[in-house]
Amino acid sequence: MTKKAHSFSIRHVFWFGWKLVILVSVALCVLALLRLQSNSEVSLISFQPPVHRFSRVGVYEGNPKISFLFLNADVANFSIYIHSQPGFVFDETTSRSPFFYNRQLSNSIQVAWGESSMIQAERLLFEAALEDPANQRFVLLSDSCVPLYNFSYIYNYMMASPRSYVDSFLDVKEGRYNPKMSPTIPKAKWRKGSQWISLVRSHAEVIVDDQIIFSVFEKFCKRRPPLDVRKGKKNFKLQKQHNCIPDEHYVQTLLAMSDLESELERRTLTYTEWNLSVTKMEREGWHPITFSYANAGPQRIKQIKDINHVYYETEFRTEWCRANSSYVPCFLFARKFSRGAAMRLLSEGVVGSFDIAAFFDAPS
């Protein structure tokens, strides 16, 4: 594959459905990120891996949990954290799942796609989840993600490996690296990959404790404005700007800068299908395909679950999917799924038996 490749009562509906989802983090819409204040020039700051603020918890010896970090949108083995729009509260009136009640961050920010506010939202999720020493795995997911397996399988899959799952590869084609990032971020350490990552605790600490690399991204990694016919010739000048999407580079580059790539499975656990139409790309930019009711049947899900390797063109590298040295299916989750597509998966039992009618009853 090429890279650009139960019935329950009403109360238990989401207990089963979301029990399948590992440590989900849904960041709904984050718009502006607080700028880090610094008197010295960012590009002149040398990078030194920071001392972890959360190391004070020591070695956790209890039952480890997976933390689901929702970006936008008894738990003995998992916990949920949601980054939603500031002021939005998950309760009986806004969600049918009691597992979401009051799981939103109190310090969420406005987020915008393609801006550094997105990676700040991720950092806030990791920081909140790290406060619980039981959280040992951290899975970043969105509100359009679906699980491909039951929770038990996902839990064992992730706990079997001491590595983080971070899609990371050399970015040599798209020119997103801004020379102004040097020497703090040398080009040799510049990486690209999927935003949907799964981290072990020590790597989540690296993300939260970083200040230097984040500040460089905030300053020099910015999305290029889209084509606007009303601007005429000005488009030529705008299109010469570096087109940097922070959430596709930050974690990967930071872990490379911290010499932690040997501790990674360099792949994502979340499948995304991309529209490869050049015309559509030129008009809207690269965006993932959204699965609808029609194309989200059992056969398509099986095809995704059967994928066992990923090919990275820029490195001529085939990543065979393994967990603790055992060969495994590559993906535990998939996105993006519309509400209709998700309803079909549940009603047809693709991710387990489920009473779909429960969704259409009024919340109690």
Protein backbone atom coordinates (compact mmCIF):
# COMPACT_ATOMS: atom_id res chain seq x y z
CA MET A 1 0.00 0.00 0.00
CA THR A 2 1.12 3.53 -0.75
CA LYS A 3 1.17 5.94 2.09
CA LYS A 4 -1.31 8.29 0.18
CA ALA A 5 -3.17 4.20 1.55
CA HIS A 6 -23.29 -7.00 21.19
CA SER A 7 -27.69 -5.85 21.79
CA PHE A 8 -27.57 -3.45 24.75
CA SER A 9 -29.96 -1.31 26.76
CA ILE A 10 -30.01 2.40 26.10
CA ARG A 11 -27.70 3.09 28.99
CA HIS A 12 -25.05 0.75 27.68
CA VAL A 13 -24.98 1.89 24.08
CA PHE A 14 -22.01 4.15 24.34
CA TRP A 15 -20.43 2.01 27.06
CA PHE A 16 -19.80 -0.56 24.33
CA GLY A 17 -19.32 1.74 21.40
CA TRP A 18 -16.81 4.06 23.00
CA LYS A 19 -15.24 1.30 25.01
CA LEU A 20 -13.77 0.33 21.66
CA VAL A 21 -12.07 3.61 21.27
CA ILE A 22 -8.70 4.02 22.97
CA LEU A 23 -7.78 7.29 24.69
CA VAL A 24 -9.55 9.60 22.32
CA SER A 25 -8.87 13.21 21.92
CA VAL A 26 -11.17 15.30 19.74
CA ALA A 27 -10.15 18.83 19.17
CA LEU A 28 -13.26 20.59 17.69
CA CYS A 29 -12.26 23.98 16.49
CA VAL A 30 -9.22 25.71 17.91
CA LEU A 31 -8.54 29.25 16.63
CA ALA A 32 -5.76 31.24 18.21
CA LEU A 33 -2.77 30.14 20.18
CA LEU A 34 -1.13 32.09 22.98
CA ARG A 35 2.19 33.31 21.85
CA LEU A 36 5.15 32.31 23.94
CA GLN A 37 7.00 35.36 25.17
CA SER A 38 10.69 35.41 24.59
CA ASN A 39 13.17 38.25 24.48
CA SER A 40 15.72 36.36 22.44
CA GLU A 41 15.48 35.43 18.78
CA VAL A 42 13.89 31.98 18.42
CA SER A 43 16.20 30.89 15.65
CA LEU A 44 19.21 31.46 17.88
CA ILE A 45 17.98 29.28 20.76
CA SER A 46 19.70 25.92 20.98
CA PHE A 47 17.43 22.94 21.63
CA GLN A 48 17.98 20.91 24.78
CA PRO A 49 15.52 18.17 25.81
CA PRO A 50 13.70 19.52 28.91
CA VAL A 51 13.37 17.92 32.30
CA HIS A 52 9.93 16.30 32.43
CA ARG A 53 7.48 18.04 34.73
CA PHE A 54 5.44 14.85 35.24
CA SER A 55 8.33 12.60 36.27
CA ARG A 56 7.35 13.31 39.89
CA VAL A 57 4.72 10.55 39.75
CA GLY A 58 7.51 7.96 39.63
CA VAL A 59 6.99 4.45 38.29
CA TYR A 60 3.31 3.54 38.14
CA GLU A 61 2.65 -0.01 39.33
CA GLY A 62 -1.16 -0.22 39.12
CA ASN A 63 -3.47 -1.15 36.24
CA PRO A 64 -2.40 0.91 33.21
CA LYS A 65 -5.03 2.82 31.27
CA ILE A 66 -5.33 4.09 27.74
CA SER A 67 -6.21 7.75 27.54
CA PHE A 68 -8.56 8.72 24.71
CA LEU A 69 -7.89 12.27 23.71
CA PHE A 70 -10.73 13.74 21.67
CA LEU A 71 -9.65 16.63 19.57
CA ASN A 72 -12.80 18.69 18.95
CA ALA A 73 -15.61 17.00 20.05
CA ASP A 74 -15.91 1.79 35.98
CA VAL A 75 -13.19 3.13 33.44
CA ALA A 76 -10.59 0.76 34.86
CA ASN A 77 -8.77 0.52 31.56
CA PHE A 78 -9.39 3.80 29.78
CA SER A 79 -10.07 7.47 30.30
CA ILE A 80 -11.43 10.21 28.05
CA TYR A 81 -10.36 13.80 27.58
CA ILE A 82 -12.03 16.16 25.12
CA HIS A 83 -10.83 19.40 23.68
CA SER A 84 -13.99 21.18 22.58
CA GLN A 85 -14.92 24.73 21.79
CA PRO A 86 -14.38 27.00 24.80
CA GLY A 87 -17.48 26.97 27.00
CA PHE A 88 -19.00 23.81 25.51
CA VAL A 89 -19.99 21.27 28.20
CA PHE A 90 -20.64 17.57 27.68
CA ASP A 91 -23.67 16.59 29.79
CA GLU A 92 -27.13 14.94 29.49
CA THR A 93 -28.29 17.66 27.11
CA THR A 94 -25.37 17.50 24.70
CA SER A 95 -24.28 13.85 24.69
CA ARG A 96 -25.93 10.42 24.95
CA SER A 97 -22.78 8.92 26.44
CA PRO A 98 -22.23 9.28 30.20
CA PHE A 99 -18.56 8.58 29.56
CA PHE A 100 -18.28 12.00 27.97
CA TYR A 101 -20.00 13.89 30.77
CA ASN A 102 -17.76 16.68 32.01
CA ARG A 103 -14.71 15.29 30.24
CA GLN A 104 -14.05 18.51 28.34
CA LEU A 105 -10.98 20.56 29.19
CA SER A 106 -11.61 23.67 31.26
CA ASN A 107 -8.80 25.54 29.48
CA SER A 108 -9.66 24.80 25.85
CA ILE A 109 -8.86 27.35 23.19
CA GLN A 110 -10.24 28.30 19.80
CA VAL A 111 -8.64 26.20 17.07
CA ALA A 112 -8.20 26.66 13.36
CA TRP A 113 -7.01 24.00 10.96
CA GLY A 114 -3.55 24.62 9.62
CA GLU A 115 -2.55 26.90 12.51
CA SER A 116 -0.35 26.37 15.54
CA SER A 117 -3.48 26.52 17.72
CA MET A 118 -4.11 22.91 16.66
CA ILE A 119 -0.88 21.63 18.19
CA GLN A 120 -1.46 23.75 21.28
CA ALA A 121 -4.83 21.99 21.72
CA GLU A 122 -3.05 18.64 21.48
CA ARG A 123 -0.53 19.72 24.10
CA LEU A 124 -3.36 20.75 26.44
CA LEU A 125 -4.94 17.30 26.07
CA PHE A 126 -1.70 15.50 26.84
CA GLU A 127 -1.06 17.75 29.81
CA ALA A 128 -4.51 17.00 31.30
CA ALA A 129 -4.16 13.24 30.72
CA LEU A 130 -0.69 13.14 32.27
CA GLU A 131 -2.13 14.30 35.60
CA ASP A 132 -3.47 10.74 36.07
CA PRO A 133 -0.48 8.41 36.62
CA ALA A 134 -2.63 5.44 35.52
CA ASN A 135 -2.67 6.78 31.98
CA GLN A 136 0.18 4.98 30.23
CA ARG A 137 -0.90 5.20 26.59
CA PHE A 138 -2.29 8.29 24.91
CA VAL A 139 -4.32 8.05 21.69
CA LEU A 140 -5.21 11.17 19.77
CA LEU A 141 -8.47 10.78 17.83
CA SER A 142 -11.11 12.95 16.23
CA ASP A 143 -14.91 12.92 16.34
CA SER A 144 -14.98 11.28 12.89
CA CYS A 145 -12.83 8.28 13.92
CA VAL A 146 -14.29 4.79 14.35
CA PRO A 147 -12.71 1.73 16.00
CA LEU A 148 -12.06 -1.29 13.80
CA TYR A 149 -11.87 -3.79 16.68
CA ASN A 150 -13.33 -4.24 20.16
CA PHE A 151 -11.76 -2.56 23.14
CA SER A 152 -10.05 -5.69 24.45
CA TYR A 153 -8.18 -6.18 21.19
CA ILE A 154 -7.16 -2.53 21.00
CA TYR A 155 -6.02 -2.48 24.63
CA ASN A 156 -3.87 -5.60 24.30
CA TYR A 157 -2.44 -4.46 20.98
CA MET A 158 -1.23 -1.18 22.41
CA MET A 159 -0.08 -2.45 25.79
CA ALA A 160 1.97 -5.20 24.16
CA SER A 161 4.40 -2.68 22.72
CA PRO A 162 6.68 -0.31 24.66
CA ARG A 163 6.80 1.99 21.63
CA SER A 164 4.80 4.97 20.46
CA TYR A 165 3.03 4.84 17.12
CA VAL A 166 3.95 7.97 15.23
CA ASP A 167 3.69 8.24 11.47
CA SER A 168 6.98 9.94 10.62
CA PHE A 169 8.99 10.27 7.44
CA LEU A 170 11.40 12.59 5.65
CA ASP A 171 9.69 15.53 3.99
CA VAL A 172 11.73 16.18 0.88
CA LYS A 173 9.14 17.03 -1.76
CA GLU A 174 6.77 19.72 -0.57
CA GLY A 175 9.12 22.46 0.56
CA ARG A 176 7.40 23.03 3.90
CA TYR A 177 10.63 23.51 5.78
CA ASN A 178 11.33 27.17 6.40
CA PRO A 179 15.06 28.00 6.49
CA LYS A 180 14.31 30.55 9.20
CA MET A 181 13.81 27.59 11.56
CA SER A 182 17.53 26.95 11.41
CA PRO A 183 19.66 26.46 13.42
CA THR A 184 17.14 25.56 16.15
CA ILE A 185 15.55 22.97 13.84
CA PRO A 186 18.07 21.72 11.26
CA LYS A 187 16.62 20.50 7.98
CA ALA A 188 18.00 17.02 8.61
CA LYS A 189 15.62 16.70 11.58
CA TRP A 190 12.54 17.97 9.72
CA ARG A 191 9.80 15.30 9.60
CA LYS A 192 6.25 14.93 8.35
CA GLY A 193 3.42 12.55 9.26
CA SER A 194 -0.14 11.99 10.40
CA GLN A 195 -1.57 14.03 13.26
CA TRP A 196 -3.25 10.91 14.68
CA ILE A 197 -0.63 9.53 17.03
CA SER A 198 -0.45 7.10 19.96
CA LEU A 199 2.19 7.81 22.57
CA VAL A 200 3.72 6.11 25.57
CA ARG A 201 3.85 8.26 28.68
CA SER A 202 7.46 9.39 28.40
CA HIS A 203 6.89 10.71 24.88
CA ALA A 204 3.72 12.54 25.93
CA GLU A 205 5.85 14.24 28.58
CA VAL A 206 8.26 15.40 25.89
CA ILE A 207 5.40 17.06 24.01
CA VAL A 208 4.05 18.87 27.07
CA ASP A 209 7.44 20.01 28.36
CA ASP A 210 8.66 21.44 25.06
CA GLN A 211 8.76 25.18 24.72
CA ILE A 212 11.53 25.82 22.20
CA ILE A 213 10.39 23.76 19.21
CA PHE A 214 6.79 24.84 19.71
CA SER A 215 7.77 28.50 19.67
CA VAL A 216 9.65 28.00 16.40
CA PHE A 217 6.59 26.37 14.85
CA GLU A 218 4.37 29.16 16.09
CA LYS A 219 6.59 31.67 14.40
CA PHE A 220 7.67 30.03 11.17
CA CYS A 221 5.26 27.15 10.36
CA LYS A 222 2.18 28.74 8.81
CA ARG A 223 -0.39 27.59 6.29
CA ARG A 224 -0.18 29.29 2.91
CA PRO A 225 -3.34 31.21 1.98
CA PRO A 226 -5.53 29.35 -0.55
CA LEU A 227 -5.87 30.58 -4.11
CA ASP A 228 -8.27 33.50 -4.39
CA VAL A 229 -9.20 34.59 -7.93
CA ARG A 230 -10.14 38.01 -6.61
CA LYS A 231 -6.51 38.70 -5.74
CA GLY A 232 -5.29 38.23 -9.28
CA LYS A 233 -1.53 38.48 -9.63
CA LYS A 234 -1.07 38.69 -5.89
CA ASN A 235 -1.71 34.94 -5.84
CA PHE A 236 1.71 34.36 -7.41
CA LYS A 237 3.46 36.03 -4.50
CA LEU A 238 1.25 34.26 -1.93
CA GLN A 239 1.89 30.87 -3.47
CA LYS A 240 5.64 31.34 -3.06
CA GLN A 241 5.24 31.29 0.71
CA HIS A 242 6.12 28.13 2.61
CA ASN A 243 2.98 26.05 3.09
CA CYS A 244 3.53 24.54 6.52
CA ILE A 245 0.78 22.65 8.36
CA PRO A 246 1.93 22.50 12.02
CA ASP A 247 0.02 19.39 13.11
CA GLU A 248 1.62 17.36 10.30
CA HIS A 249 5.16 18.17 11.41
CA TYR A 250 5.40 19.18 15.06
CA VAL A 251 5.36 15.91 17.01
CA GLN A 252 7.41 14.09 14.41
CA THR A 253 10.08 16.80 14.29
CA LEU A 254 10.19 17.23 18.08
CA LEU A 255 10.74 13.50 18.63
CA ALA A 256 13.46 13.48 15.97
CA MET A 257 15.12 16.47 17.64
CA SER A 258 14.95 14.57 20.96
CA ASP A 259 16.68 11.52 19.38
CA LEU A 260 13.68 9.31 20.12
CA GLU A 261 12.95 7.87 16.69
CA SER A 262 14.46 4.51 17.67
CA GLU A 263 11.67 4.26 20.28
CA LEU A 264 8.90 4.60 17.69
CA GLU A 265 6.86 2.42 15.40
CA ARG A 266 6.97 4.95 12.60
CA ARG A 267 3.35 4.54 11.49
CA THR A 268 -0.11 5.65 12.56
CA LEU A 269 -2.82 3.39 13.99
CA THR A 270 -5.54 5.44 12.25
CA TYR A 271 -6.36 4.81 8.59
CA THR A 272 -7.11 7.77 6.36
CA GLU A 273 -8.04 7.67 2.69
CA TRP A 274 -6.95 10.64 0.61
CA ASN A 275 -8.52 12.14 -2.46
CA LEU A 276 -5.82 11.99 -5.12
CA SER A 277 -7.63 14.16 -7.62
CA VAL A 278 -5.21 16.85 -8.75
CA THR A 279 -8.06 19.16 -9.72
CA LYS A 280 -9.71 18.85 -6.31
CA MET A 281 -6.35 19.32 -4.61
CA GLU A 282 -5.68 22.52 -6.49
CA ARG A 283 -9.10 23.84 -5.59
CA GLU A 284 -9.38 22.75 -1.97
CA GLY A 285 -6.00 21.40 -0.91
CA TRP A 286 -5.29 17.87 0.25
CA HIS A 287 -8.10 16.60 2.49
CA PRO A 288 -9.16 13.07 3.47
CA ILE A 289 -12.18 11.39 1.92
CA THR A 290 -15.24 11.24 4.17
CA PHE A 291 -16.85 7.78 4.16
CA SER A 292 -20.59 7.94 3.58
CA TYR A 293 -23.34 5.37 4.29
CA ALA A 294 -22.89 3.92 0.81
CA ASN A 295 -19.17 3.16 0.99
CA ALA A 296 -18.81 2.20 4.65
CA GLY A 297 -19.92 -1.44 4.43
CA PRO A 298 -18.32 -4.55 5.95
CA GLN A 299 -16.31 -5.28 2.81
CA ARG A 300 -14.56 -1.91 2.85
CA ILE A 301 -13.81 -2.22 6.56
CA LYS A 302 -12.33 -5.67 5.97
CA GLN A 303 -10.06 -4.25 3.28
CA ILE A 304 -8.74 -1.69 5.75
CA LYS A 305 -8.25 -4.30 8.47
CA ASP A 306 -6.31 -6.51 6.06
CA ILE A 307 -3.61 -3.91 5.41
CA ASN A 308 -0.34 -5.16 6.87
CA HIS A 309 2.24 -2.69 5.60
CA VAL A 310 2.72 0.92 4.53
CA TYR A 311 5.11 2.19 1.88
CA TYR A 312 6.85 5.54 2.36
CA GLU A 313 7.87 6.95 -1.01
CA THR A 314 10.27 9.62 0.22
CA GLU A 315 12.37 7.07 2.11
CA PHE A 316 11.82 4.07 -0.18
CA ARG A 317 10.79 2.33 3.03
CA THR A 318 8.19 -0.37 3.57
CA GLU A 319 6.94 -0.37 7.14
CA TRP A 320 5.66 -3.85 8.01
CA CYS A 321 3.23 -3.47 10.86
CA ARG A 322 4.35 -5.03 14.12
CA ALA A 323 3.57 -4.80 17.82
CA ASN A 324 6.33 -6.03 20.11
CA SER A 325 7.98 -7.87 17.19
CA SER A 326 4.76 -9.69 16.18
CA TYR A 327 3.18 -8.94 12.81
CA VAL A 328 -0.25 -7.37 13.24
CA PRO A 329 -2.86 -5.46 11.19
CA CYS A 330 -1.71 -1.89 10.68
CA PHE A 331 -4.81 0.00 11.79
CA LEU A 332 -7.00 0.04 14.90
CA PHE A 333 -9.07 3.07 13.88
CA ALA A 334 -10.21 4.70 10.66
CA ARG A 335 -11.47 8.13 9.62
CA LYS A 336 -13.29 10.18 8.39
CA PHE A 337 -16.77 8.69 8.83
CA SER A 338 -19.99 10.64 8.49
CA ARG A 339 -22.83 10.07 10.97
CA GLY A 340 -24.63 7.95 8.40
CA ALA A 341 -21.55 5.81 7.83
CA ALA A 342 -21.10 5.31 11.56
CA MET A 343 -24.77 4.29 11.90
CA ARG A 344 -24.28 1.65 9.21
CA LEU A 345 -21.21 0.21 10.90
CA LEU A 346 -23.13 -0.10 14.16
CA SER A 347 -26.40 -1.40 12.69
CA GLU A 348 -24.62 -4.07 10.61
CA GLY A 349 -22.48 -5.18 13.53
CA VAL A 350 -19.20 -4.36 11.83
CA VAL A 351 -17.68 -3.31 15.16
CA GLY A 352 -19.85 -5.58 17.36
CA SER A 353 -23.55 -6.13 18.10
CA PHE A 354 -25.40 -2.92 18.77
CA ASP A 355 -28.97 -1.61 19.19
CA ILE A 356 -29.03 1.25 16.72
CA ALA A 357 -32.50 2.40 17.84
CA ALA A 358 -30.97 3.65 21.05
CA PHE A 359 -29.47 6.55 19.16
CA PHE A 360 -32.89 7.86 18.24
CA ASP A 361 -34.36 7.85 21.74
CA ALA A 362 -34.33 11.07 23.70
CA PRO A 363 -31.57 11.31 26.29
CA SER A 364 -32.82 10.34 29.74
